[in-house]
Amino acid sequence: MDRTEITAKLTGIFRKVFHDNSLVIADAMTANDVERWDSLSHMILITEIEKAFSVRFRLKELNKMRNIGEMKDLISSKL
């Protein structure tokens, strides 16, 4: 799966979790850039990503992620 496919799949997940069909994600985007991205929605987001990509994140990996671009890199490394 290439980065474009990961982005498309992540976009669908973000739109579902945040109930916003117009949401467009970007590599530099962080939780501060998305309305309603709080600790609870973050847990739901991570769970949905793990299910969709059939991957598991370690707590250490999650703590290192600073933006969506790094999230994509991590997903790509696990596929």
C-alpha atoms as a PDB file:
ATOM      1  CA  MET A   1       0.000   0.000   0.000  1.00  0.00           C
ATOM      2  CA  ASP A   2       1.494   3.329  -1.026  1.00  0.00           C
ATOM      3  CA  ARG A   3       1.227   6.678   0.750  1.00  0.00           C
ATOM      4  CA  THR A   4      -1.675   7.847  -1.444  1.00  0.00           C
ATOM      5  CA  GLU A   5      -3.720   4.779  -0.540  1.00  0.00           C
ATOM      6  CA  ILE A   6      -2.883   5.219   3.147  1.00  0.00           C
ATOM      7  CA  THR A   7      -3.991   8.860   2.945  1.00  0.00           C
ATOM      8  CA  ALA A   8      -7.284   7.926   1.283  1.00  0.00           C
ATOM      9  CA  LYS A   9      -8.028   5.265   3.887  1.00  0.00           C
ATOM     10  CA  LEU A  10      -7.052   7.582   6.760  1.00  0.00           C
ATOM     11  CA  THR A  11      -9.243  10.350   5.360  1.00  0.00           C
ATOM     12  CA  GLY A  12     -12.259   8.050   5.538  1.00  0.00           C
ATOM     13  CA  ILE A  13     -11.421   7.082   9.102  1.00  0.00           C
ATOM     14  CA  PHE A  14     -10.947  10.697  10.198  1.00  0.00           C
ATOM     15  CA  ARG A  15     -14.228  11.723   8.571  1.00  0.00           C
ATOM     16  CA  LYS A  16     -16.056   8.889  10.329  1.00  0.00           C
ATOM     17  CA  VAL A  17     -14.530   9.485  13.778  1.00  0.00           C
ATOM     18  CA  PHE A  18     -14.966  13.263  13.690  1.00  0.00           C
ATOM     19  CA  HIS A  19     -18.339  13.186  11.878  1.00  0.00           C
ATOM     20  CA  ASP A  20     -17.112  15.596   9.190  1.00  0.00           C
ATOM     21  CA  ASN A  21     -17.401  14.477   5.566  1.00  0.00           C
ATOM     22  CA  SER A  22     -15.524  17.537   4.358  1.00  0.00           C
ATOM     23  CA  LEU A  23     -12.433  16.948   6.529  1.00  0.00           C
ATOM     24  CA  VAL A  24      -9.206  16.940   4.525  1.00  0.00           C
ATOM     25  CA  ILE A  25      -6.088  15.678   6.269  1.00  0.00           C
ATOM     26  CA  ALA A  26      -2.562  16.975   5.697  1.00  0.00           C
ATOM     27  CA  ASP A  27       0.810  15.701   6.845  1.00  0.00           C
ATOM     28  CA  ALA A  28       1.447  18.659   9.158  1.00  0.00           C
ATOM     29  CA  MET A  29      -1.996  18.405  10.776  1.00  0.00           C
ATOM     30  CA  THR A  30      -2.190  17.763  14.525  1.00  0.00           C
ATOM     31  CA  ALA A  31      -4.961  17.366  17.082  1.00  0.00           C
ATOM     32  CA  ASN A  32      -4.960  21.144  17.517  1.00  0.00           C
ATOM     33  CA  ASP A  33      -6.098  21.511  13.901  1.00  0.00           C
ATOM     34  CA  VAL A  34      -9.189  19.301  14.180  1.00  0.00           C
ATOM     35  CA  GLU A  35     -12.255  20.373  16.086  1.00  0.00           C
ATOM     36  CA  ARG A  36     -13.419  17.721  18.575  1.00  0.00           C
ATOM     37  CA  TRP A  37     -10.053  15.894  18.575  1.00  0.00           C
ATOM     38  CA  ASP A  38      -9.727  15.254  22.283  1.00  0.00           C
ATOM     39  CA  SER A  39      -8.367  12.350  24.324  1.00  0.00           C
ATOM     40  CA  LEU A  40     -11.468  10.198  23.875  1.00  0.00           C
ATOM     41  CA  SER A  41     -11.735  10.760  20.134  1.00  0.00           C
ATOM     42  CA  HIS A  42      -7.989  10.066  19.894  1.00  0.00           C
ATOM     43  CA  MET A  43      -8.483   6.624  21.453  1.00  0.00           C
ATOM     44  CA  ILE A  44     -11.352   5.914  19.064  1.00  0.00           C
ATOM     45  CA  LEU A  45      -9.257   7.140  16.119  1.00  0.00           C
ATOM     46  CA  ILE A  46      -6.305   4.906  16.988  1.00  0.00           C
ATOM     47  CA  THR A  47      -8.584   1.891  17.441  1.00  0.00           C
ATOM     48  CA  GLU A  48     -10.241   2.498  14.065  1.00  0.00           C
ATOM     49  CA  ILE A  49      -6.849   2.912  12.360  1.00  0.00           C
ATOM     50  CA  GLU A  50      -5.526  -0.297  13.911  1.00  0.00           C
ATOM     51  CA  LYS A  51      -8.606  -2.207  12.735  1.00  0.00           C
ATOM     52  CA  ALA A  52      -8.623  -0.736   9.230  1.00  0.00           C
ATOM     53  CA  PHE A  53      -4.933  -1.381   8.569  1.00  0.00           C
ATOM     54  CA  SER A  54      -4.644  -4.574  10.667  1.00  0.00           C
ATOM     55  CA  VAL A  55      -1.765  -3.115  12.674  1.00  0.00           C
ATOM     56  CA  ARG A  56      -1.025  -2.553  16.356  1.00  0.00           C
ATOM     57  CA  PHE A  57       0.693   0.503  17.749  1.00  0.00           C
ATOM     58  CA  ARG A  58       2.867   0.436  20.838  1.00  0.00           C
ATOM     59  CA  LEU A  59       2.390   3.158  23.417  1.00  0.00           C
ATOM     60  CA  LYS A  60       5.943   4.338  22.750  1.00  0.00           C
ATOM     61  CA  GLU A  61       5.130   4.747  19.054  1.00  0.00           C
ATOM     62  CA  LEU A  62       1.949   6.670  19.786  1.00  0.00           C
ATOM     63  CA  ASN A  63       3.783   9.037  22.118  1.00  0.00           C
ATOM     64  CA  LYS A  64       6.351   9.830  19.401  1.00  0.00           C
ATOM     65  CA  MET A  65       3.787  10.752  16.723  1.00  0.00           C
ATOM     66  CA  ARG A  66       3.620  14.520  16.320  1.00  0.00           C
ATOM     67  CA  ASN A  67       1.421  14.827  13.239  1.00  0.00           C
ATOM     68  CA  ILE A  68      -0.497  12.918  10.586  1.00  0.00           C
ATOM     69  CA  GLY A  69       2.565  12.644   8.361  1.00  0.00           C
ATOM     70  CA  GLU A  70       4.361  10.695  11.073  1.00  0.00           C
ATOM     71  CA  MET A  71       1.231   8.587  11.546  1.00  0.00           C
ATOM     72  CA  LYS A  72       1.324   7.691   7.836  1.00  0.00           C
ATOM     73  CA  ASP A  73       5.022   6.798   8.077  1.00  0.00           C
ATOM     74  CA  LEU A  74       4.362   4.547  11.054  1.00  0.00           C
ATOM     75  CA  ILE A  75       1.456   2.817   9.321  1.00  0.00           C
ATOM     76  CA  SER A  76       3.569   2.332   6.187  1.00  0.00           C
ATOM     77  CA  SER A  77       6.406   0.787   8.222  1.00  0.00           C
ATOM     78  CA  LYS A  78       3.972  -1.748   9.709  1.00  0.00           C
ATOM     79  CA  LEU A  79       2.398  -2.864   6.423  1.00  0.00           C
END
